[in-house]
Amino acid sequence: MTEVVRLTLVSHALTDAMTAGRFPADEPLNAIGRRQVEKAGRFDAGGGRQFTAPERRARQTAALLGLRAAAEPLLADLDCGRWCGQTLRAAAPAELEEWLTDPARAPHGGESIAGLIHRVAGWLESLTGDVAPTVAVTHPAVIRAAILAGLDAPPESFWRMDIAPVSRTVLHFRNGRWTLRL
């Protein structure tokens, strides 16, 4: 029988930055986000490993879901450099276009999409030796990166996925490869 690693990625709930179209900073959940998590209910991690991104919005989501998750730096949100906390309109149009079309570029001085995918791929690799179920509360960008890394999909597909607040994405690792379960 093939052993399977089950990974459930949970996207953090809504924040004011998300509502306003700002690049993320270390902001808390807003009232709507707290209600989203309450509506989702408690998460039964089944005694497995529990992780959360280090940012406040992810830690709050994990706590409201009833998880006792350890902060994992590799699950940190995409570093948007000098754009953190700014609106999309504040970014120079040419730099924004460059960032949205070339995964290797980071004109904001932070992390590139390719860099994020590489970081998250390393974290995924660290999970493959233990079949304990794993849940991780993190960011939409990290979940996109995990999907791309797990499926060996091109980084240019990063912006073509929409990860909803408090949504769950499940990946399985068996026979040396990840699969996406919808």
Protein backbone atom coordinates (compact mmCIF):
# COMPACT_ATOMS: atom_id res chain seq x y z
CA MET A 1 0.00 0.00 0.00
CA THR A 2 1.32 3.44 -0.94
CA GLU A 3 1.65 5.91 1.88
CA VAL A 4 0.01 9.28 1.26
CA VAL A 5 0.85 12.68 2.72
CA ARG A 6 -2.27 14.85 3.02
CA LEU A 7 -1.77 18.62 3.11
CA THR A 8 -4.66 21.02 3.64
CA LEU A 9 -3.87 24.67 2.95
CA VAL A 10 -6.30 27.19 4.43
CA SER A 11 -6.31 30.76 3.19
CA HIS A 12 -6.51 33.42 5.88
CA ALA A 13 -9.71 35.47 6.19
CA LEU A 14 -10.42 38.96 4.89
CA THR A 15 -8.45 42.06 5.96
CA ASP A 16 -8.92 45.76 5.32
CA ALA A 17 -5.95 45.68 2.92
CA MET A 18 -7.68 43.04 0.80
CA THR A 19 -10.90 45.05 0.72
CA ALA A 20 -9.08 48.26 -0.23
CA GLY A 21 -6.83 46.66 -2.86
CA ARG A 22 -3.61 47.33 -0.94
CA PHE A 23 -0.44 45.28 -0.96
CA PRO A 24 -0.36 43.29 2.28
CA ALA A 25 1.45 44.34 5.42
CA ASP A 26 1.12 42.65 8.81
CA GLU A 27 -2.50 43.64 9.27
CA PRO A 28 -5.13 41.87 11.40
CA LEU A 29 -8.39 40.36 10.22
CA ASN A 30 -11.26 42.80 9.89
CA ALA A 31 -14.78 42.20 11.25
CA ILE A 32 -15.90 40.53 8.03
CA GLY A 33 -12.87 38.24 8.15
CA ARG A 34 -13.61 37.22 11.73
CA ARG A 35 -17.21 36.41 10.71
CA GLN A 36 -15.93 34.36 7.75
CA VAL A 37 -13.87 32.18 10.08
CA GLU A 38 -16.72 31.85 12.58
CA LYS A 39 -19.00 30.72 9.74
CA ALA A 40 -16.40 28.16 8.61
CA GLY A 41 -16.36 26.66 12.10
CA ARG A 42 -13.64 24.75 13.88
CA PHE A 43 -11.09 22.79 11.87
CA ASP A 44 -10.41 19.23 12.96
CA ALA A 45 -6.74 18.66 12.16
CA GLY A 46 -7.04 15.02 13.15
CA GLY A 47 -4.02 15.13 15.44
CA GLY A 48 -1.66 15.97 12.60
CA ARG A 49 0.86 18.73 12.14
CA GLN A 50 -0.44 22.30 12.29
CA PHE A 51 1.35 25.32 10.85
CA THR A 52 0.56 28.95 10.26
CA ALA A 53 2.27 31.76 8.43
CA PRO A 54 3.91 34.18 10.87
CA GLU A 55 1.74 37.20 9.91
CA ARG A 56 -1.00 38.31 12.27
CA ARG A 57 -3.88 37.65 9.83
CA ALA A 58 -2.84 34.01 9.40
CA ARG A 59 -2.24 33.45 13.12
CA GLN A 60 -5.66 34.95 13.93
CA THR A 61 -7.38 32.74 11.35
CA ALA A 62 -5.66 29.64 12.74
CA ALA A 63 -6.62 30.51 16.31
CA LEU A 64 -10.26 31.19 15.37
CA LEU A 65 -10.35 27.81 13.59
CA GLY A 66 -9.28 26.22 16.88
CA LEU A 67 -5.82 25.21 15.67
CA ARG A 68 -2.70 25.21 17.81
CA ALA A 69 -0.49 25.99 14.85
CA ALA A 70 3.22 26.65 14.98
CA ALA A 71 4.46 29.67 13.03
CA GLU A 72 6.47 28.58 9.98
CA PRO A 73 8.62 31.29 8.33
CA LEU A 74 8.56 29.48 4.97
CA LEU A 75 4.78 30.10 4.84
CA ALA A 76 5.23 33.88 5.08
CA ASP A 77 3.40 35.99 2.52
CA LEU A 78 5.08 37.24 -0.64
CA ASP A 79 7.39 40.11 0.31
CA CYS A 80 6.14 43.11 -1.67
CA GLY A 81 9.07 45.29 -0.60
CA ARG A 82 8.41 49.02 -0.72
CA TRP A 83 4.85 48.41 -1.99
CA CYS A 84 3.72 46.91 1.36
CA GLY A 85 0.68 48.78 2.64
CA GLN A 86 0.34 50.80 -0.61
CA THR A 87 -2.55 50.62 -3.06
CA LEU A 88 -2.07 49.12 -6.50
CA ARG A 89 -2.38 52.63 -7.92
CA ALA A 90 0.65 53.77 -5.92
CA ALA A 91 2.92 51.42 -7.87
CA ALA A 92 4.46 52.80 -11.06
CA PRO A 93 2.42 51.29 -13.94
CA ALA A 94 5.50 50.01 -15.79
CA GLU A 95 6.84 48.34 -12.62
CA LEU A 96 3.46 46.79 -11.83
CA GLU A 97 3.19 45.45 -15.39
CA GLU A 98 6.72 44.02 -15.16
CA TRP A 99 5.89 42.27 -11.88
CA LEU A 100 2.61 40.85 -13.18
CA THR A 101 4.12 39.48 -16.40
CA ASP A 102 7.64 38.32 -15.46
CA PRO A 103 7.73 35.90 -12.49
CA ALA A 104 11.49 36.41 -12.07
CA ARG A 105 11.20 40.17 -11.50
CA ALA A 106 10.64 42.06 -8.24
CA PRO A 107 10.66 45.78 -9.09
CA HIS A 108 9.30 46.56 -5.60
CA GLY A 109 12.56 45.39 -4.03
CA GLY A 110 10.93 42.40 -2.34
CA GLU A 111 10.50 38.82 -3.46
CA SER A 112 9.79 37.64 -6.99
CA ILE A 113 7.03 35.15 -7.77
CA ALA A 114 9.71 32.66 -8.86
CA GLY A 115 11.46 33.18 -5.51
CA LEU A 116 8.23 32.56 -3.61
CA ILE A 117 7.56 29.37 -5.57
CA HIS A 118 11.10 28.15 -4.85
CA ARG A 119 10.71 28.88 -1.11
CA VAL A 120 7.34 27.10 -0.91
CA ALA A 121 8.65 24.14 -2.95
CA GLY A 122 11.34 23.67 -0.31
CA TRP A 123 8.69 23.62 2.41
CA LEU A 124 6.61 21.08 0.47
CA GLU A 125 9.67 18.86 0.13
CA SER A 126 10.12 18.93 3.92
CA LEU A 127 6.67 17.36 4.33
CA THR A 128 7.18 14.33 2.13
CA GLY A 129 8.96 12.15 4.69
CA ASP A 130 6.14 12.07 7.25
CA VAL A 131 2.65 10.76 6.51
CA ALA A 132 1.00 12.68 9.35
CA PRO A 133 -1.80 14.86 7.97
CA THR A 134 -0.78 18.49 7.83
CA VAL A 135 -2.82 21.69 7.89
CA ALA A 136 -1.31 25.10 7.20
CA VAL A 137 -3.06 28.46 7.46
CA THR A 138 -1.34 30.83 5.07
CA HIS A 139 -1.80 33.37 2.28
CA PRO A 140 -3.38 33.14 -1.17
CA ALA A 141 0.03 33.80 -2.76
CA VAL A 142 1.62 30.92 -0.83
CA ILE A 143 -1.23 28.58 -1.76
CA ARG A 144 -0.84 29.51 -5.44
CA ALA A 145 2.89 28.87 -5.14
CA ALA A 146 2.27 25.47 -3.49
CA ILE A 147 -0.09 24.43 -6.29
CA LEU A 148 2.39 25.48 -8.98
CA ALA A 149 5.33 23.82 -7.23
CA GLY A 150 3.39 20.66 -6.48
CA LEU A 151 2.12 20.26 -10.03
CA ASP A 152 5.34 21.42 -11.72
CA ALA A 153 3.26 24.10 -13.44
CA PRO A 154 4.85 27.18 -15.00
CA PRO A 155 5.24 30.25 -12.76
CA GLU A 156 3.48 32.33 -15.44
CA SER A 157 0.25 30.65 -14.23
CA PHE A 158 0.54 32.26 -10.78
CA TRP A 159 -1.94 35.08 -11.39
CA ARG A 160 -4.51 32.79 -13.04
CA MET A 161 -5.70 31.25 -9.77
CA ASP A 162 -8.14 32.84 -7.36
CA ILE A 163 -7.82 31.68 -3.76
CA ALA A 164 -10.83 32.78 -1.70
CA PRO A 165 -10.58 33.80 1.97
CA VAL A 166 -10.91 30.83 4.36
CA SER A 167 -10.92 28.39 1.43
CA ARG A 168 -9.29 24.99 1.72
CA THR A 169 -6.96 23.51 -0.88
CA VAL A 170 -5.90 19.88 -0.50
CA LEU A 171 -2.74 18.36 -1.93
CA HIS A 172 -1.69 14.70 -1.65
CA PHE A 173 1.84 13.38 -2.02
CA ARG A 174 2.21 9.76 -3.15
CA ASN A 175 4.59 7.86 -5.39
CA GLY A 176 6.97 10.81 -5.55
CA ARG A 177 4.54 13.47 -6.75
CA TRP A 178 1.90 15.87 -5.52
CA THR A 179 -1.68 15.86 -6.75
CA LEU A 180 -4.33 18.52 -6.30
CA ARG A 181 -7.64 17.40 -4.88
CA LEU A 182 -10.65 19.57 -5.67
